PDB file of all heavy atoms in Angstrom:
ATOM      1  N   GLU A   1       9.980  -5.038   3.460  1.00  0.00           N
ATOM      2  CA  GLU A   1       9.873  -4.318   2.200  1.00  0.00           C
ATOM      3  C   GLU A   1      10.573  -4.926   1.004  1.00  0.00           C
ATOM      4  O   GLU A   1      10.033  -5.024  -0.080  1.00  0.00           O
ATOM      5  CB  GLU A   1      10.314  -2.855   2.327  1.00  0.00           C
ATOM      6  CG  GLU A   1       9.508  -2.039   3.359  1.00  0.00           C
ATOM      7  CD  GLU A   1      10.145  -0.687   3.603  1.00  0.00           C
ATOM      8  OE1 GLU A   1      11.382  -0.494   3.292  1.00  0.00           O
ATOM      9  OE2 GLU A   1       9.461   0.177   4.131  1.00  0.00           O
ATOM     10  N   ASP A   2      11.797  -5.412   1.261  1.00  0.00           N
ATOM     11  CA  ASP A   2      12.540  -6.008   0.075  1.00  0.00           C
ATOM     12  C   ASP A   2      11.919  -7.349  -0.256  1.00  0.00           C
ATOM     13  O   ASP A   2      11.898  -7.689  -1.487  1.00  0.00           O
ATOM     14  CB  ASP A   2      14.005  -6.213   0.505  1.00  0.00           C
ATOM     15  CG  ASP A   2      14.200  -7.133   1.690  1.00  0.00           C
ATOM     16  OD1 ASP A   2      13.375  -7.051   2.668  1.00  0.00           O
ATOM     17  OD2 ASP A   2      15.120  -7.954   1.673  1.00  0.00           O
ATOM     18  N   ILE A   3      11.395  -8.051   0.602  1.00  0.00           N
ATOM     19  CA  ILE A   3      10.700  -9.323   0.295  1.00  0.00           C
ATOM     20  C   ILE A   3       9.453  -9.153  -0.555  1.00  0.00           C
ATOM     21  O   ILE A   3       9.124  -9.751  -1.523  1.00  0.00           O
ATOM     22  CB  ILE A   3      10.406 -10.171   1.568  1.00  0.00           C
ATOM     23  CG1 ILE A   3      11.646 -10.439   2.372  1.00  0.00           C
ATOM     24  CG2 ILE A   3       9.606 -11.453   1.182  1.00  0.00           C
ATOM     25  CD1 ILE A   3      12.661 -11.256   1.643  1.00  0.00           C
ATOM     26  N   ALA A   4       8.584  -8.098  -0.080  1.00  0.00           N
ATOM     27  CA  ALA A   4       7.394  -7.773  -0.834  1.00  0.00           C
ATOM     28  C   ALA A   4       7.724  -7.307  -2.214  1.00  0.00           C
ATOM     29  O   ALA A   4       7.022  -7.633  -3.201  1.00  0.00           O
ATOM     30  CB  ALA A   4       6.628  -6.698  -0.019  1.00  0.00           C
ATOM     31  N   ALA A   5       8.824  -6.516  -2.357  1.00  0.00           N
ATOM     32  CA  ALA A   5       9.210  -5.983  -3.645  1.00  0.00           C
ATOM     33  C   ALA A   5       9.624  -7.150  -4.604  1.00  0.00           C
ATOM     34  O   ALA A   5       9.266  -7.114  -5.812  1.00  0.00           O
ATOM     35  CB  ALA A   5      10.365  -5.005  -3.537  1.00  0.00           C
ATOM     36  N   ARG A   6      10.358  -8.097  -4.094  1.00  0.00           N
ATOM     37  CA  ARG A   6      10.790  -9.211  -4.927  1.00  0.00           C
ATOM     38  C   ARG A   6       9.641 -10.124  -5.282  1.00  0.00           C
ATOM     39  O   ARG A   6       9.594 -10.753  -6.363  1.00  0.00           O
ATOM     40  CB  ARG A   6      11.890  -9.984  -4.180  1.00  0.00           C
ATOM     41  CG  ARG A   6      13.210  -9.198  -3.992  1.00  0.00           C
ATOM     42  CD  ARG A   6      14.232 -10.037  -3.283  1.00  0.00           C
ATOM     43  NE  ARG A   6      14.616 -11.200  -4.070  1.00  0.00           N
ATOM     44  CZ  ARG A   6      15.624 -12.051  -3.642  1.00  0.00           C
ATOM     45  NH1 ARG A   6      16.195 -11.869  -2.494  1.00  0.00           N
ATOM     46  NH2 ARG A   6      15.891 -13.105  -4.471  1.00  0.00           N
ATOM     47  N   ALA A   7       8.652 -10.266  -4.372  1.00  0.00           N
ATOM     48  CA  ALA A   7       7.500 -11.115  -4.653  1.00  0.00           C
ATOM     49  C   ALA A   7       6.550 -10.491  -5.685  1.00  0.00           C
ATOM     50  O   ALA A   7       6.075 -11.176  -6.609  1.00  0.00           O
ATOM     51  CB  ALA A   7       6.777 -11.435  -3.356  1.00  0.00           C
ATOM     52  N   LEU A   8       6.282  -9.201  -5.500  1.00  0.00           N
ATOM     53  CA  LEU A   8       5.292  -8.502  -6.309  1.00  0.00           C
ATOM     54  C   LEU A   8       5.841  -7.871  -7.614  1.00  0.00           C
ATOM     55  O   LEU A   8       5.076  -7.535  -8.550  1.00  0.00           O
ATOM     56  CB  LEU A   8       4.505  -7.449  -5.458  1.00  0.00           C
ATOM     57  CG  LEU A   8       3.787  -8.019  -4.270  1.00  0.00           C
ATOM     58  CD1 LEU A   8       3.223  -6.863  -3.397  1.00  0.00           C
ATOM     59  CD2 LEU A   8       2.695  -8.977  -4.619  1.00  0.00           C
ATOM     60  N   LYS A   9       7.132  -7.486  -7.518  1.00  0.00           N
ATOM     61  CA  LYS A   9       7.805  -6.945  -8.696  1.00  0.00           C
ATOM     62  C   LYS A   9       7.119  -5.707  -9.314  1.00  0.00           C
ATOM     63  O   LYS A   9       6.817  -5.606 -10.510  1.00  0.00           O
ATOM     64  CB  LYS A   9       7.925  -8.050  -9.804  1.00  0.00           C
ATOM     65  CG  LYS A   9       8.839  -9.257  -9.392  1.00  0.00           C
ATOM     66  CD  LYS A   9       8.998 -10.226 -10.574  1.00  0.00           C
ATOM     67  CE  LYS A   9       9.959 -11.340 -10.238  1.00  0.00           C
ATOM     68  NZ  LYS A   9       9.595 -12.057  -9.024  1.00  0.00           N
ATOM     69  N   PRO A  10       6.812  -4.682  -8.483  1.00  0.00           N
ATOM     70  CA  PRO A  10       6.192  -3.513  -8.990  1.00  0.00           C
ATOM     71  C   PRO A  10       7.200  -2.598  -9.745  1.00  0.00           C
ATOM     72  O   PRO A  10       8.405  -2.708  -9.539  1.00  0.00           O
ATOM     73  CB  PRO A  10       5.677  -2.818  -7.705  1.00  0.00           C
ATOM     74  CG  PRO A  10       6.737  -3.169  -6.700  1.00  0.00           C
ATOM     75  CD  PRO A  10       7.108  -4.625  -7.044  1.00  0.00           C
ATOM     76  N   GLN A  11       6.629  -1.743 -10.585  1.00  0.00           N
ATOM     77  CA  GLN A  11       7.528  -0.695 -11.173  1.00  0.00           C
ATOM     78  C   GLN A  11       8.027   0.190 -10.019  1.00  0.00           C
ATOM     79  O   GLN A  11       7.199   0.661  -9.189  1.00  0.00           O
ATOM     80  CB  GLN A  11       6.697   0.164 -12.170  1.00  0.00           C
ATOM     81  CG  GLN A  11       6.264  -0.660 -13.380  1.00  0.00           C
ATOM     82  CD  GLN A  11       5.528   0.252 -14.381  1.00  0.00           C
ATOM     83  OE1 GLN A  11       5.562   1.492 -14.319  1.00  0.00           O
ATOM     84  NE2 GLN A  11       4.818  -0.368 -15.390  1.00  0.00           N
ATOM     85  N   GLY A  12       9.275   0.458 -10.035  1.00  0.00           N
ATOM     86  CA  GLY A  12       9.871   1.303  -8.907  1.00  0.00           C
ATOM     87  C   GLY A  12      10.444   0.418  -7.797  1.00  0.00           C
ATOM     88  O   GLY A  12      11.060   0.978  -6.900  1.00  0.00           O
ATOM     89  N   GLY A  13      10.180  -0.879  -7.873  1.00  0.00           N
ATOM     90  CA  GLY A  13      10.765  -1.770  -6.873  1.00  0.00           C
ATOM     91  C   GLY A  13      10.429  -1.448  -5.423  1.00  0.00           C
ATOM     92  O   GLY A  13       9.348  -1.043  -5.105  1.00  0.00           O
ATOM     93  N   VAL A  14      11.464  -1.573  -4.598  1.00  0.00           N
ATOM     94  CA  VAL A  14      11.261  -1.356  -3.138  1.00  0.00           C
ATOM     95  C   VAL A  14      10.875   0.034  -2.801  1.00  0.00           C
ATOM     96  O   VAL A  14      10.140   0.312  -1.824  1.00  0.00           O
ATOM     97  CB  VAL A  14      12.499  -1.803  -2.353  1.00  0.00           C
ATOM     98  CG1 VAL A  14      13.665  -0.806  -2.554  1.00  0.00           C
ATOM     99  CG2 VAL A  14      12.201  -1.978  -0.838  1.00  0.00           C
ATOM    100  N   ASN A  15      11.295   1.028  -3.612  1.00  0.00           N
ATOM    101  CA  ASN A  15      10.897   2.423  -3.351  1.00  0.00           C
ATOM    102  C   ASN A  15       9.392   2.569  -3.524  1.00  0.00           C
ATOM    103  O   ASN A  15       8.771   3.416  -2.801  1.00  0.00           O
ATOM    104  CB  ASN A  15      11.639   3.390  -4.297  1.00  0.00           C
ATOM    105  CG  ASN A  15      13.064   3.478  -3.988  1.00  0.00           C
ATOM    106  OD1 ASN A  15      13.511   3.367  -2.832  1.00  0.00           O
ATOM    107  ND2 ASN A  15      13.967   3.647  -5.061  1.00  0.00           N
ATOM    108  N   PHE A  16       8.773   1.883  -4.501  1.00  0.00           N
ATOM    109  CA  PHE A  16       7.327   1.964  -4.639  1.00  0.00           C
ATOM    110  C   PHE A  16       6.652   1.269  -3.460  1.00  0.00           C
ATOM    111  O   PHE A  16       5.649   1.819  -2.905  1.00  0.00           O
ATOM    112  CB  PHE A  16       6.859   1.306  -5.961  1.00  0.00           C
ATOM    113  CG  PHE A  16       5.371   1.306  -6.177  1.00  0.00           C
ATOM    114  CD1 PHE A  16       4.683   2.432  -6.474  1.00  0.00           C
ATOM    115  CD2 PHE A  16       4.684   0.145  -5.937  1.00  0.00           C
ATOM    116  CE1 PHE A  16       3.321   2.437  -6.672  1.00  0.00           C
ATOM    117  CE2 PHE A  16       3.326   0.134  -6.105  1.00  0.00           C
ATOM    118  CZ  PHE A  16       2.659   1.288  -6.454  1.00  0.00           C
ATOM    119  N   ILE A  17       7.154   0.185  -2.952  1.00  0.00           N
ATOM    120  CA  ILE A  17       6.649  -0.487  -1.802  1.00  0.00           C
ATOM    121  C   ILE A  17       6.643   0.471  -0.584  1.00  0.00           C
ATOM    122  O   ILE A  17       5.636   0.484   0.177  1.00  0.00           O
ATOM    123  CB  ILE A  17       7.385  -1.794  -1.535  1.00  0.00           C
ATOM    124  CG1 ILE A  17       7.200  -2.790  -2.611  1.00  0.00           C
ATOM    125  CG2 ILE A  17       6.920  -2.391  -0.140  1.00  0.00           C
ATOM    126  CD1 ILE A  17       5.802  -3.297  -2.836  1.00  0.00           C
ATOM    127  N   ARG A  18       7.578   1.245  -0.481  1.00  0.00           N
ATOM    128  CA  ARG A  18       7.740   2.191   0.669  1.00  0.00           C
ATOM    129  C   ARG A  18       6.727   3.324   0.620  1.00  0.00           C
ATOM    130  O   ARG A  18       6.604   4.078   1.588  1.00  0.00           O
ATOM    131  CB  ARG A  18       9.209   2.781   0.679  1.00  0.00           C
ATOM    132  CG  ARG A  18      10.174   1.762   1.141  1.00  0.00           C
ATOM    133  CD  ARG A  18      11.606   2.247   0.999  1.00  0.00           C
ATOM    134  NE  ARG A  18      12.599   1.218   1.420  1.00  0.00           N
ATOM    135  CZ  ARG A  18      13.807   1.166   1.125  1.00  0.00           C
ATOM    136  NH1 ARG A  18      14.333   2.134   0.267  1.00  0.00           N
ATOM    137  NH2 ARG A  18      14.619   0.255   1.569  1.00  0.00           N
ATOM    138  N   THR A  19       6.049   3.525  -0.548  1.00  0.00           N
ATOM    139  CA  THR A  19       5.025   4.537  -0.582  1.00  0.00           C
ATOM    140  C   THR A  19       3.724   4.119   0.090  1.00  0.00           C
ATOM    141  O   THR A  19       2.840   4.993   0.331  1.00  0.00           O
ATOM    142  CB  THR A  19       4.716   4.922  -2.058  1.00  0.00           C
ATOM    143  OG1 THR A  19       4.048   3.801  -2.739  1.00  0.00           O
ATOM    144  CG2 THR A  19       5.931   5.397  -2.818  1.00  0.00           C
ATOM    145  N   PHE A  20       3.566   2.879   0.435  1.00  0.00           N
ATOM    146  CA  PHE A  20       2.410   2.316   1.112  1.00  0.00           C
ATOM    147  C   PHE A  20       2.550   2.635   2.605  1.00  0.00           C
ATOM    148  O   PHE A  20       3.563   2.359   3.206  1.00  0.00           O
ATOM    149  CB  PHE A  20       2.256   0.795   0.938  1.00  0.00           C
ATOM    150  CG  PHE A  20       1.859   0.437  -0.427  1.00  0.00           C
ATOM    151  CD1 PHE A  20       2.750   0.400  -1.484  1.00  0.00           C
ATOM    152  CD2 PHE A  20       0.528   0.083  -0.719  1.00  0.00           C
ATOM    153  CE1 PHE A  20       2.306   0.034  -2.730  1.00  0.00           C
ATOM    154  CE2 PHE A  20       0.131  -0.285  -1.966  1.00  0.00           C
ATOM    155  CZ  PHE A  20       1.046  -0.310  -3.002  1.00  0.00           C
ATOM    156  N   LYS A  21       1.532   3.294   3.213  1.00  0.00           N
ATOM    157  CA  LYS A  21       1.539   3.628   4.588  1.00  0.00           C
ATOM    158  C   LYS A  21       0.422   2.900   5.344  1.00  0.00           C
ATOM    159  O   LYS A  21      -0.757   2.936   4.918  1.00  0.00           O
ATOM    160  CB  LYS A  21       1.374   5.146   4.781  1.00  0.00           C
ATOM    161  CG  LYS A  21       2.464   5.959   4.047  1.00  0.00           C
ATOM    162  CD  LYS A  21       3.900   5.587   4.551  1.00  0.00           C
ATOM    163  CE  LYS A  21       4.909   6.416   3.808  1.00  0.00           C
ATOM    164  NZ  LYS A  21       6.292   6.047   4.240  1.00  0.00           N
ATOM    165  N   LYS A  22       0.744   2.298   6.420  1.00  0.00           N
ATOM    166  CA  LYS A  22      -0.282   1.594   7.243  1.00  0.00           C
ATOM    167  C   LYS A  22      -1.197   2.594   7.883  1.00  0.00           C
ATOM    168  O   LYS A  22      -0.717   3.557   8.515  1.00  0.00           O
ATOM    169  CB  LYS A  22       0.400   0.710   8.297  1.00  0.00           C
ATOM    170  CG  LYS A  22      -0.578  -0.189   9.070  1.00  0.00           C
ATOM    171  CD  LYS A  22       0.122  -1.164   9.964  1.00  0.00           C
ATOM    172  CE  LYS A  22      -0.821  -1.984  10.807  1.00  0.00           C
ATOM    173  NZ  LYS A  22      -1.690  -2.842   9.966  1.00  0.00           N
ATOM    174  N   GLN A  23      -2.484   2.340   7.726  1.00  0.00           N
ATOM    175  CA  GLN A  23      -3.484   3.258   8.340  1.00  0.00           C
ATOM    176  C   GLN A  23      -3.650   2.988   9.867  1.00  0.00           C
ATOM    177  O   GLN A  23      -3.404   1.896  10.351  1.00  0.00           O
ATOM    178  CB  GLN A  23      -4.822   3.071   7.644  1.00  0.00           C
ATOM    179  CG  GLN A  23      -4.779   3.342   6.141  1.00  0.00           C
ATOM    180  CD  GLN A  23      -4.369   4.705   5.785  1.00  0.00           C
ATOM    181  OE1 GLN A  23      -4.850   5.691   6.355  1.00  0.00           O
ATOM    182  NE2 GLN A  23      -3.332   4.823   4.929  1.00  0.00           N
ATOM    183  N   ALA A  24      -4.055   4.081  10.572  1.00  0.00           N
ATOM    184  CA  ALA A  24      -4.175   3.923  11.967  1.00  0.00           C
ATOM    185  C   ALA A  24      -5.374   3.041  12.345  1.00  0.00           C
ATOM    186  O   ALA A  24      -5.395   2.326  13.372  1.00  0.00           O
ATOM    187  CB  ALA A  24      -4.389   5.327  12.601  1.00  0.00           C
ATOM    188  N   GLU A  25      -6.393   3.091  11.498  1.00  0.00           N
ATOM    189  CA  GLU A  25      -7.587   2.331  11.719  1.00  0.00           C
ATOM    190  C   GLU A  25      -7.512   0.985  10.933  1.00  0.00           C
ATOM    191  O   GLU A  25      -6.968   0.905   9.904  1.00  0.00           O
ATOM    192  CB  GLU A  25      -8.909   3.077  11.349  1.00  0.00           C
ATOM    193  CG  GLU A  25      -9.157   4.285  12.187  1.00  0.00           C
ATOM    194  CD  GLU A  25     -10.388   5.027  11.821  1.00  0.00           C
ATOM    195  OE1 GLU A  25     -10.576   5.298  10.643  1.00  0.00           O
ATOM    196  OE2 GLU A  25     -11.235   5.313  12.751  1.00  0.00           O
ATOM    197  N   ASP A  26      -8.220  -0.058  11.439  1.00  0.00           N
ATOM    198  CA  ASP A  26      -8.275  -1.351  10.836  1.00  0.00           C
ATOM    199  C   ASP A  26      -9.094  -1.220   9.546  1.00  0.00           C
ATOM    200  O   ASP A  26     -10.247  -0.868   9.570  1.00  0.00           O
ATOM    201  CB  ASP A  26      -8.919  -2.329  11.733  1.00  0.00           C
ATOM    202  CG  ASP A  26      -8.884  -3.772  11.205  1.00  0.00           C
ATOM    203  OD1 ASP A  26      -8.470  -3.948  10.018  1.00  0.00           O
ATOM    204  OD2 ASP A  26      -9.355  -4.675  11.905  1.00  0.00           O
ATOM    205  N   GLN A  27      -8.438  -1.505   8.432  1.00  0.00           N
ATOM    206  CA  GLN A  27      -9.113  -1.325   7.105  1.00  0.00           C
ATOM    207  C   GLN A  27     -10.106  -2.521   6.822  1.00  0.00           C
ATOM    208  O   GLN A  27     -10.725  -2.491   5.775  1.00  0.00           O
ATOM    209  CB  GLN A  27      -8.060  -1.175   6.025  1.00  0.00           C
ATOM    210  CG  GLN A  27      -7.231   0.076   6.133  1.00  0.00           C
ATOM    211  CD  GLN A  27      -8.090   1.313   6.320  1.00  0.00           C
ATOM    212  OE1 GLN A  27      -8.846   1.676   5.393  1.00  0.00           O
ATOM    213  NE2 GLN A  27      -8.091   1.952   7.441  1.00  0.00           N
ATOM    214  N   ALA A  28     -10.221  -3.446   7.721  1.00  0.00           N
ATOM    215  CA  ALA A  28     -11.210  -4.494   7.515  1.00  0.00           C
ATOM    216  C   ALA A  28     -12.615  -3.907   7.641  1.00  0.00           C
ATOM    217  O   ALA A  28     -13.592  -4.466   7.139  1.00  0.00           O
ATOM    218  CB  ALA A  28     -10.977  -5.621   8.496  1.00  0.00           C
ATOM    219  N   VAL A  29     -12.776  -2.792   8.396  1.00  0.00           N
ATOM    220  CA  VAL A  29     -14.135  -2.264   8.673  1.00  0.00           C
ATOM    221  C   VAL A  29     -14.225  -0.802   8.247  1.00  0.00           C
ATOM    222  O   VAL A  29     -15.281  -0.242   8.399  1.00  0.00           O
ATOM    223  CB  VAL A  29     -14.450  -2.442  10.149  1.00  0.00           C
ATOM    224  CG1 VAL A  29     -14.618  -3.929  10.496  1.00  0.00           C
ATOM    225  CG2 VAL A  29     -13.415  -1.828  11.050  1.00  0.00           C
ATOM    226  N   ASN A  30     -13.150  -0.198   7.749  1.00  0.00           N
ATOM    227  CA  ASN A  30     -13.214   1.195   7.422  1.00  0.00           C
ATOM    228  C   ASN A  30     -12.895   1.370   5.953  1.00  0.00           C
ATOM    229  O   ASN A  30     -12.021   0.722   5.445  1.00  0.00           O
ATOM    230  CB  ASN A  30     -12.235   2.036   8.253  1.00  0.00           C
ATOM    231  CG  ASN A  30     -12.682   2.093   9.684  1.00  0.00           C
ATOM    232  OD1 ASN A  30     -13.662   2.697  10.004  1.00  0.00           O
ATOM    233  ND2 ASN A  30     -11.959   1.400  10.565  1.00  0.00           N
ATOM    234  N   LEU A  31     -13.535   2.368   5.282  1.00  0.00           N
ATOM    235  CA  LEU A  31     -13.228   2.666   3.912  1.00  0.00           C
ATOM    236  C   LEU A  31     -12.672   4.087   3.846  1.00  0.00           C
ATOM    237  O   LEU A  31     -13.001   4.920   4.639  1.00  0.00           O
ATOM    238  CB  LEU A  31     -14.525   2.581   3.054  1.00  0.00           C
ATOM    239  CG  LEU A  31     -15.108   1.229   2.891  1.00  0.00           C
ATOM    240  CD1 LEU A  31     -16.432   1.307   2.121  1.00  0.00           C
ATOM    241  CD2 LEU A  31     -14.191   0.314   2.131  1.00  0.00           C
ATOM    242  N   PRO A  32     -11.743   4.350   2.909  1.00  0.00           N
ATOM    243  CA  PRO A  32     -11.142   5.713   2.813  1.00  0.00           C
ATOM    244  C   PRO A  32     -12.244   6.722   2.377  1.00  0.00           C
ATOM    245  O   PRO A  32     -13.127   6.438   1.672  1.00  0.00           O
ATOM    246  CB  PRO A  32     -10.124   5.525   1.715  1.00  0.00           C
ATOM    247  CG  PRO A  32     -10.578   4.348   0.943  1.00  0.00           C
ATOM    248  CD  PRO A  32     -11.192   3.448   1.906  1.00  0.00           C
ATOM    249  N   PRO A  33     -12.067   7.961   2.960  1.00  0.00           N
ATOM    250  CA  PRO A  33     -13.067   9.068   2.608  1.00  0.00           C
ATOM    251  C   PRO A  33     -13.028   9.404   1.132  1.00  0.00           C
ATOM    252  O   PRO A  33     -14.042   9.945   0.597  1.00  0.00           O
ATOM    253  CB  PRO A  33     -12.599  10.176   3.490  1.00  0.00           C
ATOM    254  CG  PRO A  33     -11.226   9.918   3.824  1.00  0.00           C
ATOM    255  CD  PRO A  33     -10.998   8.451   3.840  1.00  0.00           C
ATOM    256  N   ASN A  34     -11.932   9.157   0.431  1.00  0.00           N
ATOM    257  CA  ASN A  34     -11.765   9.508  -0.963  1.00  0.00           C
ATOM    258  C   ASN A  34     -11.893   8.261  -1.891  1.00  0.00           C
ATOM    259  O   ASN A  34     -11.160   8.102  -2.870  1.00  0.00           O
ATOM    260  CB  ASN A  34     -10.445  10.211  -1.272  1.00  0.00           C
ATOM    261  CG  ASN A  34      -9.245   9.388  -0.858  1.00  0.00           C
ATOM    262  OD1 ASN A  34      -9.382   8.451  -0.030  1.00  0.00           O
ATOM    263  ND2 ASN A  34      -8.089   9.654  -1.461  1.00  0.00           N
ATOM    264  N   LEU A  35     -12.837   7.444  -1.516  1.00  0.00           N
ATOM    265  CA  LEU A  35     -13.016   6.152  -2.211  1.00  0.00           C
ATOM    266  C   LEU A  35     -13.246   6.339  -3.676  1.00  0.00           C
ATOM    267  O   LEU A  35     -12.647   5.653  -4.590  1.00  0.00           O
ATOM    268  CB  LEU A  35     -14.131   5.297  -1.574  1.00  0.00           C
ATOM    269  CG  LEU A  35     -14.426   3.928  -2.213  1.00  0.00           C
ATOM    270  CD1 LEU A  35     -13.233   3.053  -2.055  1.00  0.00           C
ATOM    271  CD2 LEU A  35     -15.656   3.323  -1.599  1.00  0.00           C
ATOM    272  N   ASP A  36     -14.102   7.300  -4.019  1.00  0.00           N
ATOM    273  CA  ASP A  36     -14.430   7.572  -5.469  1.00  0.00           C
ATOM    274  C   ASP A  36     -13.229   8.021  -6.262  1.00  0.00           C
ATOM    275  O   ASP A  36     -13.086   7.692  -7.470  1.00  0.00           O
ATOM    276  CB  ASP A  36     -15.534   8.681  -5.607  1.00  0.00           C
ATOM    277  CG  ASP A  36     -16.900   8.186  -5.094  1.00  0.00           C
ATOM    278  OD1 ASP A  36     -17.057   6.933  -5.019  1.00  0.00           O
ATOM    279  OD2 ASP A  36     -17.706   8.983  -4.792  1.00  0.00           O
ATOM    280  N   GLU A  37     -12.300   8.688  -5.583  1.00  0.00           N
ATOM    281  CA  GLU A  37     -11.053   9.123  -6.282  1.00  0.00           C
ATOM    282  C   GLU A  37     -10.116   7.986  -6.495  1.00  0.00           C
ATOM    283  O   GLU A  37      -9.395   7.898  -7.515  1.00  0.00           O
ATOM    284  CB  GLU A  37     -10.359  10.212  -5.363  1.00  0.00           C
ATOM    285  CG  GLU A  37      -9.020  10.643  -5.905  1.00  0.00           C
ATOM    286  CD  GLU A  37      -8.363  11.604  -4.927  1.00  0.00           C
ATOM    287  OE1 GLU A  37      -9.016  12.225  -4.083  1.00  0.00           O
ATOM    288  OE2 GLU A  37      -7.112  11.660  -4.893  1.00  0.00           O
ATOM    289  N   LEU A  38     -10.093   7.034  -5.538  1.00  0.00           N
ATOM    290  CA  LEU A  38      -9.129   5.969  -5.649  1.00  0.00           C
ATOM    291  C   LEU A  38      -9.572   4.778  -6.610  1.00  0.00           C
ATOM    292  O   LEU A  38      -8.759   4.260  -7.305  1.00  0.00           O
ATOM    293  CB  LEU A  38      -8.913   5.354  -4.240  1.00  0.00           C
ATOM    294  CG  LEU A  38      -8.329   6.269  -3.192  1.00  0.00           C
ATOM    295  CD1 LEU A  38      -8.207   5.579  -1.834  1.00  0.00           C
ATOM    296  CD2 LEU A  38      -6.927   6.753  -3.632  1.00  0.00           C
TER     297      LEU A  38
END
């Protein structure tokens, strides 16, 4: 997390990086049900 935060430099730093959650399904072949919202 700290490496990604230093590389991408998002607002909120490492705390923002921690808001990302890995999905149970492989996202290479699945799209989120709320795609229009995102």
